[in-house]
Each structure stands twice: as structure tokens, then as C-alpha cells.
Amino acid sequence: MEILIDFDGTIVKQVTPPNTKPTKAIGDVNWDVVKKMRLLKAQGYIVYIFTGRIDLSLGLLAFHQATLIRKFLNKHDIPFDDLYPKPWRVSVIVDDIVVKPEDWVKE
């Protein structure tokens, strides 16, 4: 099964206003979400992360953000299979708007 999880506001705390140009700032890790991600990865889930930080319309900034996020995820041992700029149809999507992280980790 595939799961798609939002980066800002879900895996990490939101530090910049949504829909603004990304910066190098990354919020604190939401360890409850990461714990659940690790559990699902161990159960064989494919874990995708999506973020507007790497929207192709941002050009070179998107590349730099993708590099920054990958380093951050690896540094904190946060499991993921790939990064994407936008959500798409998968079995489960977890973000800070529809399926809120605090509700998801309780399931």
C-alpha cells in the first residue's frame, strides 16, 4: 500500500505561512508522525512525501529545497521512498488540512 504524507505542518511543524516562497527554515520534527511512518514502513508500506517547497514552478529553488529536505529526512532517520511536489491519488493522504497528523497517529 502507498501512503502520501505532507512535509510542512505534518512531518515537521509549520514555520512559514502556507503558500509562501520556501526558505531554508524547517520546523521541529513531529515525532509522533515519524513514529507512525516508521511503523508503516516496517510493515511494507511505500511512503511518499509531498511538499509545495519543490513545485517545479520555483525553478532552481525547488532543486535546492529538495536537497535540503532529503538531507533533513536522512539526518533524522525519517523513512521515505520519494518526494513529490503535489498530492495525487493514493490509498492514504495525511496532511495538516484533511487528515490531521494528531488524529492519524491515534489510529
PDB file of N, CA and C in Angstrom:
ATOM      1  N   MET A   1       0.844  -1.175   0.000  1.00  0.00           N
ATOM      2  CA  MET A   1       0.000   0.000   0.000  1.00  0.00           C
ATOM      3  C   MET A   1       0.892   1.241   0.000  1.00  0.00           C
ATOM      4  N   GLU A   2       0.402   2.282  -0.602  1.00  0.00           N
ATOM      5  CA  GLU A   2       1.134   3.552  -0.649  1.00  0.00           C
ATOM      6  C   GLU A   2       0.485   4.551   0.294  1.00  0.00           C
ATOM      7  N   ILE A   3       1.327   5.365   0.912  1.00  0.00           N
ATOM      8  CA  ILE A   3       0.825   6.452   1.739  1.00  0.00           C
ATOM      9  C   ILE A   3       1.564   7.717   1.351  1.00  0.00           C
ATOM     10  N   LEU A   4       0.843   8.817   1.309  1.00  0.00           N
ATOM     11  CA  LEU A   4       1.386  10.110   0.915  1.00  0.00           C
ATOM     12  C   LEU A   4       1.241  11.052   2.099  1.00  0.00           C
ATOM     13  N   ILE A   5       2.353  11.622   2.558  1.00  0.00           N
ATOM     14  CA  ILE A   5       2.351  12.445   3.763  1.00  0.00           C
ATOM     15  C   ILE A   5       2.949  13.810   3.470  1.00  0.00           C
ATOM     16  N   ASP A   6       2.264  14.835   3.915  1.00  0.00           N
ATOM     17  CA  ASP A   6       2.710  16.218   3.731  1.00  0.00           C
ATOM     18  C   ASP A   6       3.917  16.491   4.626  1.00  0.00           C
ATOM     19  N   PHE A   7       4.828  17.332   4.141  1.00  0.00           N
ATOM     20  CA  PHE A   7       6.031  17.665   4.904  1.00  0.00           C
ATOM     21  C   PHE A   7       5.741  18.753   5.936  1.00  0.00           C
ATOM     22  N   ASP A   8       5.560  19.994   5.493  1.00  0.00           N
ATOM     23  CA  ASP A   8       5.326  21.123   6.401  1.00  0.00           C
ATOM     24  C   ASP A   8       3.934  21.035   7.030  1.00  0.00           C
ATOM     25  N   GLY A   9       3.904  21.130   8.349  1.00  0.00           N
ATOM     26  CA  GLY A   9       2.631  21.088   9.061  1.00  0.00           C
ATOM     27  C   GLY A   9       2.209  19.682   9.436  1.00  0.00           C
ATOM     28  N   THR A  10       2.951  18.674   8.979  1.00  0.00           N
ATOM     29  CA  THR A  10       2.605  17.287   9.293  1.00  0.00           C
ATOM     30  C   THR A  10       3.830  16.552   9.827  1.00  0.00           C
ATOM     31  N   ILE A  11       4.835  16.344   8.978  1.00  0.00           N
ATOM     32  CA  ILE A  11       6.066  15.687   9.435  1.00  0.00           C
ATOM     33  C   ILE A  11       6.871  16.651  10.309  1.00  0.00           C
ATOM     34  N   VAL A  12       6.856  17.913   9.928  1.00  0.00           N
ATOM     35  CA  VAL A  12       7.501  18.962  10.733  1.00  0.00           C
ATOM     36  C   VAL A  12       6.490  20.061  11.001  1.00  0.00           C
ATOM     37  N   LYS A  13       6.724  20.799  12.062  1.00  0.00           N
ATOM     38  CA  LYS A  13       5.849  21.925  12.396  1.00  0.00           C
ATOM     39  C   LYS A  13       5.972  23.004  11.319  1.00  0.00           C
ATOM     40  N   GLN A  14       4.872  23.633  11.010  1.00  0.00           N
ATOM     41  CA  GLN A  14       4.843  24.712  10.016  1.00  0.00           C
ATOM     42  C   GLN A  14       5.567  25.930  10.585  1.00  0.00           C
ATOM     43  N   VAL A  15       6.565  26.452   9.858  1.00  0.00           N
ATOM     44  CA  VAL A  15       7.301  27.626  10.343  1.00  0.00           C
ATOM     45  C   VAL A  15       7.128  28.842   9.446  1.00  0.00           C
ATOM     46  N   THR A  16       6.638  28.633   8.251  1.00  0.00           N
ATOM     47  CA  THR A  16       6.370  29.755   7.349  1.00  0.00           C
ATOM     48  C   THR A  16       4.902  29.710   6.955  1.00  0.00           C
ATOM     49  N   PRO A  17       4.316  30.841   6.628  1.00  0.00           N
ATOM     50  CA  PRO A  17       2.909  30.819   6.210  1.00  0.00           C
ATOM     51  C   PRO A  17       2.724  29.926   4.980  1.00  0.00           C
ATOM     52  N   PRO A  18       1.638  29.144   4.952  1.00  0.00           N
ATOM     53  CA  PRO A  18       1.374  28.308   3.771  1.00  0.00           C
ATOM     54  C   PRO A  18       1.315  29.152   2.504  1.00  0.00           C
ATOM     55  N   ASN A  19       1.684  28.548   1.399  1.00  0.00           N
ATOM     56  CA  ASN A  19       1.626  29.184   0.076  1.00  0.00           C
ATOM     57  C   ASN A  19       2.523  30.406  -0.049  1.00  0.00           C
ATOM     58  N   THR A  20       3.653  30.393   0.664  1.00  0.00           N
ATOM     59  CA  THR A  20       4.648  31.452   0.501  1.00  0.00           C
ATOM     60  C   THR A  20       5.916  30.824  -0.061  1.00  0.00           C
ATOM     61  N   LYS A  21       6.792  31.651  -0.553  1.00  0.00           N
ATOM     62  CA  LYS A  21       8.050  31.164  -1.109  1.00  0.00           C
ATOM     63  C   LYS A  21       8.841  30.447  -0.019  1.00  0.00           C
ATOM     64  N   PRO A  22       9.324  29.226  -0.300  1.00  0.00           N
ATOM     65  CA  PRO A  22      10.031  28.476   0.734  1.00  0.00           C
ATOM     66  C   PRO A  22      11.359  29.108   1.133  1.00  0.00           C
ATOM     67  N   THR A  23      11.722  28.879   2.384  1.00  0.00           N
ATOM     68  CA  THR A  23      13.005  29.337   2.914  1.00  0.00           C
ATOM     69  C   THR A  23      13.778  28.098   3.376  1.00  0.00           C
ATOM     70  N   LYS A  24      14.947  28.316   3.948  1.00  0.00           N
ATOM     71  CA  LYS A  24      15.731  27.199   4.477  1.00  0.00           C
ATOM     72  C   LYS A  24      15.197  26.736   5.831  1.00  0.00           C
ATOM     73  N   ALA A  25      14.272  27.487   6.412  1.00  0.00           N
ATOM     74  CA  ALA A  25      13.739  27.140   7.728  1.00  0.00           C
ATOM     75  C   ALA A  25      12.884  25.877   7.648  1.00  0.00           C
ATOM     76  N   ILE A  26      13.155  24.962   8.553  1.00  0.00           N
ATOM     77  CA  ILE A  26      12.353  23.750   8.686  1.00  0.00           C
ATOM     78  C   ILE A  26      11.967  23.647  10.152  1.00  0.00           C
ATOM     79  N   GLY A  27      10.695  23.385  10.405  1.00  0.00           N
ATOM     80  CA  GLY A  27      10.195  23.299  11.775  1.00  0.00           C
ATOM     81  C   GLY A  27      10.686  22.071  12.509  1.00  0.00           C
ATOM     82  N   ASP A  28      10.323  22.006  13.774  1.00  0.00           N
ATOM     83  CA  ASP A  28      10.679  20.860  14.605  1.00  0.00           C
ATOM     84  C   ASP A  28       9.965  19.609  14.107  1.00  0.00           C
ATOM     85  N   VAL A  29      10.612  18.484  14.270  1.00  0.00           N
ATOM     86  CA  VAL A  29      10.051  17.203  13.844  1.00  0.00           C
ATOM     87  C   VAL A  29       8.839  16.851  14.706  1.00  0.00           C
ATOM     88  N   ASN A  30       7.789  16.375  14.071  1.00  0.00           N
ATOM     89  CA  ASN A  30       6.630  15.850  14.769  1.00  0.00           C
ATOM     90  C   ASN A  30       6.907  14.357  14.977  1.00  0.00           C
ATOM     91  N   TRP A  31       7.479  14.020  16.113  1.00  0.00           N
ATOM     92  CA  TRP A  31       7.956  12.664  16.355  1.00  0.00           C
ATOM     93  C   TRP A  31       6.837  11.632  16.397  1.00  0.00           C
ATOM     94  N   ASP A  32       5.628  12.034  16.759  1.00  0.00           N
ATOM     95  CA  ASP A  32       4.507  11.090  16.725  1.00  0.00           C
ATOM     96  C   ASP A  32       4.229  10.637  15.298  1.00  0.00           C
ATOM     97  N   VAL A  33       4.285  11.572  14.358  1.00  0.00           N
ATOM     98  CA  VAL A  33       4.075  11.232  12.950  1.00  0.00           C
ATOM     99  C   VAL A  33       5.216  10.342  12.449  1.00  0.00           C
ATOM    100  N   VAL A  34       6.449  10.693  12.797  1.00  0.00           N
ATOM    101  CA  VAL A  34       7.601   9.909  12.354  1.00  0.00           C
ATOM    102  C   VAL A  34       7.532   8.490  12.904  1.00  0.00           C
ATOM    103  N   LYS A  35       7.137   8.350  14.153  1.00  0.00           N
ATOM    104  CA  LYS A  35       6.998   7.017  14.749  1.00  0.00           C
ATOM    105  C   LYS A  35       6.007   6.174  13.940  1.00  0.00           C
ATOM    106  N   LYS A  36       4.889   6.780  13.564  1.00  0.00           N
ATOM    107  CA  LYS A  36       3.890   6.049  12.773  1.00  0.00           C
ATOM    108  C   LYS A  36       4.435   5.742  11.375  1.00  0.00           C
ATOM    109  N   MET A  37       5.160   6.678  10.786  1.00  0.00           N
ATOM    110  CA  MET A  37       5.769   6.445   9.479  1.00  0.00           C
ATOM    111  C   MET A  37       6.725   5.255   9.533  1.00  0.00           C
ATOM    112  N   ARG A  38       7.535   5.192  10.578  1.00  0.00           N
ATOM    113  CA  ARG A  38       8.488   4.086  10.731  1.00  0.00           C
ATOM    114  C   ARG A  38       7.756   2.750  10.866  1.00  0.00           C
ATOM    115  N   LEU A  39       6.670   2.755  11.616  1.00  0.00           N
ATOM    116  CA  LEU A  39       5.876   1.540  11.779  1.00  0.00           C
ATOM    117  C   LEU A  39       5.314   1.069  10.438  1.00  0.00           C
ATOM    118  N   LEU A  40       4.727   1.992   9.687  1.00  0.00           N
ATOM    119  CA  LEU A  40       4.140   1.633   8.395  1.00  0.00           C
ATOM    120  C   LEU A  40       5.207   1.176   7.404  1.00  0.00           C
ATOM    121  N   LYS A  41       6.354   1.837   7.402  1.00  0.00           N
ATOM    122  CA  LYS A  41       7.449   1.434   6.516  1.00  0.00           C
ATOM    123  C   LYS A  41       7.900   0.014   6.859  1.00  0.00           C
ATOM    124  N   ALA A  42       7.992  -0.296   8.152  1.00  0.00           N
ATOM    125  CA  ALA A  42       8.380  -1.639   8.591  1.00  0.00           C
ATOM    126  C   ALA A  42       7.338  -2.677   8.188  1.00  0.00           C
ATOM    127  N   GLN A  43       6.087  -2.247   8.030  1.00  0.00           N
ATOM    128  CA  GLN A  43       5.008  -3.145   7.611  1.00  0.00           C
ATOM    129  C   GLN A  43       4.930  -3.284   6.095  1.00  0.00           C
ATOM    130  N   GLY A  44       5.824  -2.602   5.383  1.00  0.00           N
ATOM    131  CA  GLY A  44       5.888  -2.747   3.939  1.00  0.00           C
ATOM    132  C   GLY A  44       5.221  -1.653   3.131  1.00  0.00           C
ATOM    133  N   TYR A  45       4.752  -0.617   3.786  1.00  0.00           N
ATOM    134  CA  TYR A  45       4.149   0.495   3.051  1.00  0.00           C
ATOM    135  C   TYR A  45       5.202   1.226   2.226  1.00  0.00           C
ATOM    136  N   ILE A  46       4.774   1.784   1.121  1.00  0.00           N
ATOM    137  CA  ILE A  46       5.592   2.717   0.346  1.00  0.00           C
ATOM    138  C   ILE A  46       5.231   4.103   0.857  1.00  0.00           C
ATOM    139  N   VAL A  47       6.219   4.853   1.317  1.00  0.00           N
ATOM    140  CA  VAL A  47       5.981   6.150   1.939  1.00  0.00           C
ATOM    141  C   VAL A  47       6.469   7.266   1.016  1.00  0.00           C
ATOM    142  N   TYR A  48       5.522   8.059   0.540  1.00  0.00           N
ATOM    143  CA  TYR A  48       5.844   9.223  -0.282  1.00  0.00           C
ATOM    144  C   TYR A  48       5.605  10.477   0.543  1.00  0.00           C
ATOM    145  N   ILE A  49       6.440  11.468   0.328  1.00  0.00           N
ATOM    146  CA  ILE A  49       6.285  12.769   0.978  1.00  0.00           C
ATOM    147  C   ILE A  49       6.020  13.805  -0.100  1.00  0.00           C
ATOM    148  N   PHE A  50       5.012  14.648   0.163  1.00  0.00           N
ATOM    149  CA  PHE A  50       4.773  15.735  -0.782  1.00  0.00           C
ATOM    150  C   PHE A  50       4.943  17.073  -0.090  1.00  0.00           C
ATOM    151  N   THR A  51       5.356  18.057  -0.897  1.00  0.00           N
ATOM    152  CA  THR A  51       5.576  19.400  -0.372  1.00  0.00           C
ATOM    153  C   THR A  51       5.567  20.418  -1.506  1.00  0.00           C
ATOM    154  N   GLY A  52       4.936  21.529  -1.255  1.00  0.00           N
ATOM    155  CA  GLY A  52       4.947  22.629  -2.213  1.00  0.00           C
ATOM    156  C   GLY A  52       6.318  23.268  -2.348  1.00  0.00           C
ATOM    157  N   ARG A  53       7.223  22.949  -1.443  1.00  0.00           N
ATOM    158  CA  ARG A  53       8.575  23.507  -1.495  1.00  0.00           C
ATOM    159  C   ARG A  53       9.316  23.108  -2.773  1.00  0.00           C
ATOM    160  N   ILE A  54       8.899  22.001  -3.397  1.00  0.00           N
ATOM    161  CA  ILE A  54       9.624  21.535  -4.579  1.00  0.00           C
ATOM    162  C   ILE A  54       8.787  21.649  -5.852  1.00  0.00           C
ATOM    163  N   ASP A  55       7.794  22.541  -5.835  1.00  0.00           N
ATOM    164  CA  ASP A  55       6.983  22.778  -7.027  1.00  0.00           C
ATOM    165  C   ASP A  55       7.896  23.248  -8.164  1.00  0.00           C
ATOM    166  N   LEU A  56       7.767  22.620  -9.301  1.00  0.00           N
ATOM    167  CA  LEU A  56       8.666  22.916 -10.428  1.00  0.00           C
ATOM    168  C   LEU A  56       8.601  24.368 -10.885  1.00  0.00           C
ATOM    169  N   SER A  57       7.503  25.057 -10.598  1.00  0.00           N
ATOM    170  CA  SER A  57       7.408  26.466 -10.986  1.00  0.00           C
ATOM    171  C   SER A  57       8.421  27.329 -10.228  1.00  0.00           C
ATOM    172  N   LEU A  58       9.008  26.795  -9.159  1.00  0.00           N
ATOM    173  CA  LEU A  58      10.012  27.533  -8.392  1.00  0.00           C
ATOM    174  C   LEU A  58      11.404  27.450  -9.010  1.00  0.00           C
ATOM    175  N   GLY A  59      11.540  26.648 -10.057  1.00  0.00           N
ATOM    176  CA  GLY A  59      12.815  26.539 -10.758  1.00  0.00           C
ATOM    177  C   GLY A  59      13.913  25.979  -9.887  1.00  0.00           C
ATOM    178  N   LEU A  60      15.069  26.626  -9.908  1.00  0.00           N
ATOM    179  CA  LEU A  60      16.244  26.161  -9.172  1.00  0.00           C
ATOM    180  C   LEU A  60      15.988  26.093  -7.663  1.00  0.00           C
ATOM    181  N   LEU A  61      15.134  26.963  -7.155  1.00  0.00           N
ATOM    182  CA  LEU A  61      14.796  26.936  -5.734  1.00  0.00           C
ATOM    183  C   LEU A  61      14.187  25.579  -5.354  1.00  0.00           C
ATOM    184  N   ALA A  62      13.385  24.999  -6.231  1.00  0.00           N
ATOM    185  CA  ALA A  62      12.784  23.681  -5.968  1.00  0.00           C
ATOM    186  C   ALA A  62      13.875  22.615  -5.804  1.00  0.00           C
ATOM    187  N   PHE A  63      14.887  22.673  -6.653  1.00  0.00           N
ATOM    188  CA  PHE A  63      16.006  21.723  -6.553  1.00  0.00           C
ATOM    189  C   PHE A  63      16.714  21.867  -5.209  1.00  0.00           C
ATOM    190  N   HIS A  64      16.979  23.109  -4.807  1.00  0.00           N
ATOM    191  CA  HIS A  64      17.663  23.356  -3.538  1.00  0.00           C
ATOM    192  C   HIS A  64      16.808  22.888  -2.353  1.00  0.00           C
ATOM    193  N   GLN A  65      15.500  23.115  -2.438  1.00  0.00           N
ATOM    194  CA  GLN A  65      14.604  22.668  -1.371  1.00  0.00           C
ATOM    195  C   GLN A  65      14.572  21.144  -1.286  1.00  0.00           C
ATOM    196  N   ALA A  66      14.530  20.474  -2.431  1.00  0.00           N
ATOM    197  CA  ALA A  66      14.523  19.006  -2.437  1.00  0.00           C
ATOM    198  C   ALA A  66      15.787  18.462  -1.774  1.00  0.00           C
ATOM    199  N   THR A  67      16.924  19.066  -2.068  1.00  0.00           N
ATOM    200  CA  THR A  67      18.189  18.661  -1.459  1.00  0.00           C
ATOM    201  C   THR A  67      18.158  18.896   0.043  1.00  0.00           C
ATOM    202  N   LEU A  68      17.683  20.052   0.450  1.00  0.00           N
ATOM    203  CA  LEU A  68      17.582  20.403   1.867  1.00  0.00           C
ATOM    204  C   LEU A  68      16.676  19.416   2.609  1.00  0.00           C
ATOM    205  N   ILE A  69      15.539  19.095   2.025  1.00  0.00           N
ATOM    206  CA  ILE A  69      14.581  18.199   2.674  1.00  0.00           C
ATOM    207  C   ILE A  69      15.132  16.777   2.752  1.00  0.00           C
ATOM    208  N   ARG A  70      15.731  16.298   1.674  1.00  0.00           N
ATOM    209  CA  ARG A  70      16.303  14.940   1.697  1.00  0.00           C
ATOM    210  C   ARG A  70      17.381  14.819   2.786  1.00  0.00           C
ATOM    211  N   LYS A  71      18.232  15.824   2.905  1.00  0.00           N
ATOM    212  CA  LYS A  71      19.265  15.800   3.941  1.00  0.00           C
ATOM    213  C   LYS A  71      18.629  15.799   5.331  1.00  0.00           C
ATOM    214  N   PHE A  72      17.603  16.605   5.503  1.00  0.00           N
ATOM    215  CA  PHE A  72      16.903  16.694   6.782  1.00  0.00           C
ATOM    216  C   PHE A  72      16.266  15.352   7.136  1.00  0.00           C
ATOM    217  N   LEU A  73      15.573  14.742   6.187  1.00  0.00           N
ATOM    218  CA  LEU A  73      14.917  13.454   6.429  1.00  0.00           C
ATOM    219  C   LEU A  73      15.938  12.376   6.770  1.00  0.00           C
ATOM    220  N   ASN A  74      17.034  12.341   6.033  1.00  0.00           N
ATOM    221  CA  ASN A  74      18.082  11.350   6.300  1.00  0.00           C
ATOM    222  C   ASN A  74      18.746  11.581   7.657  1.00  0.00           C
ATOM    223  N   LYS A  75      19.009  12.835   7.994  1.00  0.00           N
ATOM    224  CA  LYS A  75      19.635  13.174   9.273  1.00  0.00           C
ATOM    225  C   LYS A  75      18.791  12.686  10.448  1.00  0.00           C
ATOM    226  N   HIS A  76      17.468  12.791  10.318  1.00  0.00           N
ATOM    227  CA  HIS A  76      16.561  12.421  11.395  1.00  0.00           C
ATOM    228  C   HIS A  76      16.000  11.001  11.247  1.00  0.00           C
ATOM    229  N   ASP A  77      16.566  10.259  10.292  1.00  0.00           N
ATOM    230  CA  ASP A  77      16.151   8.876  10.067  1.00  0.00           C
ATOM    231  C   ASP A  77      14.635   8.764   9.859  1.00  0.00           C
ATOM    232  N   ILE A  78      14.121   9.652   9.019  1.00  0.00           N
ATOM    233  CA  ILE A  78      12.693   9.656   8.687  1.00  0.00           C
ATOM    234  C   ILE A  78      12.529   8.886   7.386  1.00  0.00           C
ATOM    235  N   PRO A  79      11.773   7.789   7.415  1.00  0.00           N
ATOM    236  CA  PRO A  79      11.680   6.931   6.234  1.00  0.00           C
ATOM    237  C   PRO A  79      10.831   7.534   5.127  1.00  0.00           C
ATOM    238  N   PHE A  80      11.315   7.391   3.890  1.00  0.00           N
ATOM    239  CA  PHE A  80      10.535   7.823   2.731  1.00  0.00           C
ATOM    240  C   PHE A  80      11.095   7.141   1.499  1.00  0.00           C
ATOM    241  N   ASP A  81      10.235   6.976   0.521  1.00  0.00           N
ATOM    242  CA  ASP A  81      10.648   6.372  -0.741  1.00  0.00           C
ATOM    243  C   ASP A  81      10.903   7.420  -1.813  1.00  0.00           C
ATOM    244  N   ASP A  82      10.164   8.531  -1.751  1.00  0.00           N
ATOM    245  CA  ASP A  82      10.388   9.588  -2.728  1.00  0.00           C
ATOM    246  C   ASP A  82       9.674  10.857  -2.292  1.00  0.00           C
ATOM    247  N   LEU A  83      10.057  11.976  -2.918  1.00  0.00           N
ATOM    248  CA  LEU A  83       9.435  13.281  -2.688  1.00  0.00           C
ATOM    249  C   LEU A  83       8.656  13.687  -3.931  1.00  0.00           C
ATOM    250  N   TYR A  84       7.527  14.347  -3.722  1.00  0.00           N
ATOM    251  CA  TYR A  84       6.721  14.849  -4.829  1.00  0.00           C
ATOM    252  C   TYR A  84       6.221  16.250  -4.516  1.00  0.00           C
ATOM    253  N   PRO A  85       6.008  17.059  -5.567  1.00  0.00           N
ATOM    254  CA  PRO A  85       5.571  18.427  -5.331  1.00  0.00           C
ATOM    255  C   PRO A  85       4.082  18.571  -5.024  1.00  0.00           C
ATOM    256  N   LYS A  86       3.274  17.585  -5.388  1.00  0.00           N
ATOM    257  CA  LYS A  86       1.830  17.701  -5.203  1.00  0.00           C
ATOM    258  C   LYS A  86       1.249  16.349  -4.820  1.00  0.00           C
ATOM    259  N   PRO A  87       0.134  16.376  -4.077  1.00  0.00           N
ATOM    260  CA  PRO A  87      -0.521  15.098  -3.778  1.00  0.00           C
ATOM    261  C   PRO A  87      -1.205  14.530  -5.013  1.00  0.00           C
ATOM    262  N   TRP A  88      -1.419  13.239  -5.028  1.00  0.00           N
ATOM    263  CA  TRP A  88      -2.166  12.580  -6.084  1.00  0.00           C
ATOM    264  C   TRP A  88      -2.918  11.421  -5.458  1.00  0.00           C
ATOM    265  N   ARG A  89      -3.633  10.674  -6.256  1.00  0.00           N
ATOM    266  CA  ARG A  89      -4.465   9.598  -5.730  1.00  0.00           C
ATOM    267  C   ARG A  89      -3.620   8.413  -5.268  1.00  0.00           C
ATOM    268  N   VAL A  90      -3.663   8.177  -3.976  1.00  0.00           N
ATOM    269  CA  VAL A  90      -3.048   7.002  -3.366  1.00  0.00           C
ATOM    270  C   VAL A  90      -4.051   6.480  -2.336  1.00  0.00           C
ATOM    271  N   SER A  91      -3.709   5.446  -1.637  1.00  0.00           N
ATOM    272  CA  SER A  91      -4.629   4.867  -0.655  1.00  0.00           C
ATOM    273  C   SER A  91      -4.899   5.814   0.510  1.00  0.00           C
ATOM    274  N   VAL A  92      -3.852   6.487   0.997  1.00  0.00           N
ATOM    275  CA  VAL A  92      -3.989   7.371   2.158  1.00  0.00           C
ATOM    276  C   VAL A  92      -3.161   8.624   1.935  1.00  0.00           C
ATOM    277  N   ILE A  93      -3.746   9.790   2.261  1.00  0.00           N
ATOM    278  CA  ILE A  93      -3.012  11.059   2.259  1.00  0.00           C
ATOM    279  C   ILE A  93      -3.150  11.659   3.649  1.00  0.00           C
ATOM    280  N   VAL A  94      -2.027  12.014   4.255  1.00  0.00           N
ATOM    281  CA  VAL A  94      -2.027  12.652   5.572  1.00  0.00           C
ATOM    282  C   VAL A  94      -1.416  14.033   5.405  1.00  0.00           C
ATOM    283  N   ASP A  95      -2.173  15.060   5.783  1.00  0.00           N
ATOM    284  CA  ASP A  95      -1.656  16.424   5.721  1.00  0.00           C
ATOM    285  C   ASP A  95      -2.222  17.213   6.893  1.00  0.00           C
ATOM    286  N   ASP A  96      -1.933  18.500   6.937  1.00  0.00           N
ATOM    287  CA  ASP A  96      -2.395  19.303   8.052  1.00  0.00           C
ATOM    288  C   ASP A  96      -3.754  19.947   7.792  1.00  0.00           C
ATOM    289  N   ILE A  97      -4.458  19.509   6.741  1.00  0.00           N
ATOM    290  CA  ILE A  97      -5.760  20.082   6.420  1.00  0.00           C
ATOM    291  C   ILE A  97      -6.862  19.020   6.457  1.00  0.00           C
ATOM    292  N   VAL A  98      -6.690  17.919   5.733  1.00  0.00           N
ATOM    293  CA  VAL A  98      -7.754  16.924   5.608  1.00  0.00           C
ATOM    294  C   VAL A  98      -7.674  15.873   6.719  1.00  0.00           C
ATOM    295  N   VAL A  99      -6.663  15.023   6.681  1.00  0.00           N
ATOM    296  CA  VAL A  99      -6.434  14.038   7.740  1.00  0.00           C
ATOM    297  C   VAL A  99      -5.320  14.605   8.612  1.00  0.00           C
ATOM    298  N   LYS A 100      -5.700  15.191   9.704  1.00  0.00           N
ATOM    299  CA  LYS A 100      -4.728  15.883  10.548  1.00  0.00           C
ATOM    300  C   LYS A 100      -3.782  14.893  11.234  1.00  0.00           C
ATOM    301  N   PRO A 101      -2.484  15.259  11.344  1.00  0.00           N
ATOM    302  CA  PRO A 101      -1.495  14.339  11.889  1.00  0.00           C
ATOM    303  C   PRO A 101      -1.842  13.845  13.296  1.00  0.00           C
ATOM    304  N   GLU A 102      -2.383  14.713  14.141  1.00  0.00           N
ATOM    305  CA  GLU A 102      -2.676  14.291  15.508  1.00  0.00           C
ATOM    306  C   GLU A 102      -3.795  13.253  15.560  1.00  0.00           C
ATOM    307  N   ASP A 103      -4.716  13.294  14.600  1.00  0.00           N
ATOM    308  CA  ASP A 103      -5.756  12.269  14.529  1.00  0.00           C
ATOM    309  C   ASP A 103      -5.203  10.980  13.917  1.00  0.00           C
ATOM    310  N   TRP A 104      -4.349  11.121  12.926  1.00  0.00           N
ATOM    311  CA  TRP A 104      -3.800   9.965  12.206  1.00  0.00           C
ATOM    312  C   TRP A 104      -2.939   9.090  13.106  1.00  0.00           C
ATOM    313  N   VAL A 105      -2.122   9.699  13.955  1.00  0.00           N
ATOM    314  CA  VAL A 105      -1.228   8.904  14.793  1.00  0.00           C
ATOM    315  C   VAL A 105      -1.999   8.105  15.843  1.00  0.00           C
ATOM    316  N   LYS A 106      -3.236   8.488  16.126  1.00  0.00           N
ATOM    317  CA  LYS A 106      -4.059   7.760  17.101  1.00  0.00           C
ATOM    318  C   LYS A 106      -4.709   6.521  16.496  1.00  0.00           C
ATOM    319  N   GLU A 107      -4.797   6.452  15.163  1.00  0.00           N
ATOM    320  CA  GLU A 107      -5.458   5.319  14.513  1.00  0.00           C
ATOM    321  C   GLU A 107      -4.671   4.044  14.678  1.00  0.00           C
TER     322      GLU A 107
END
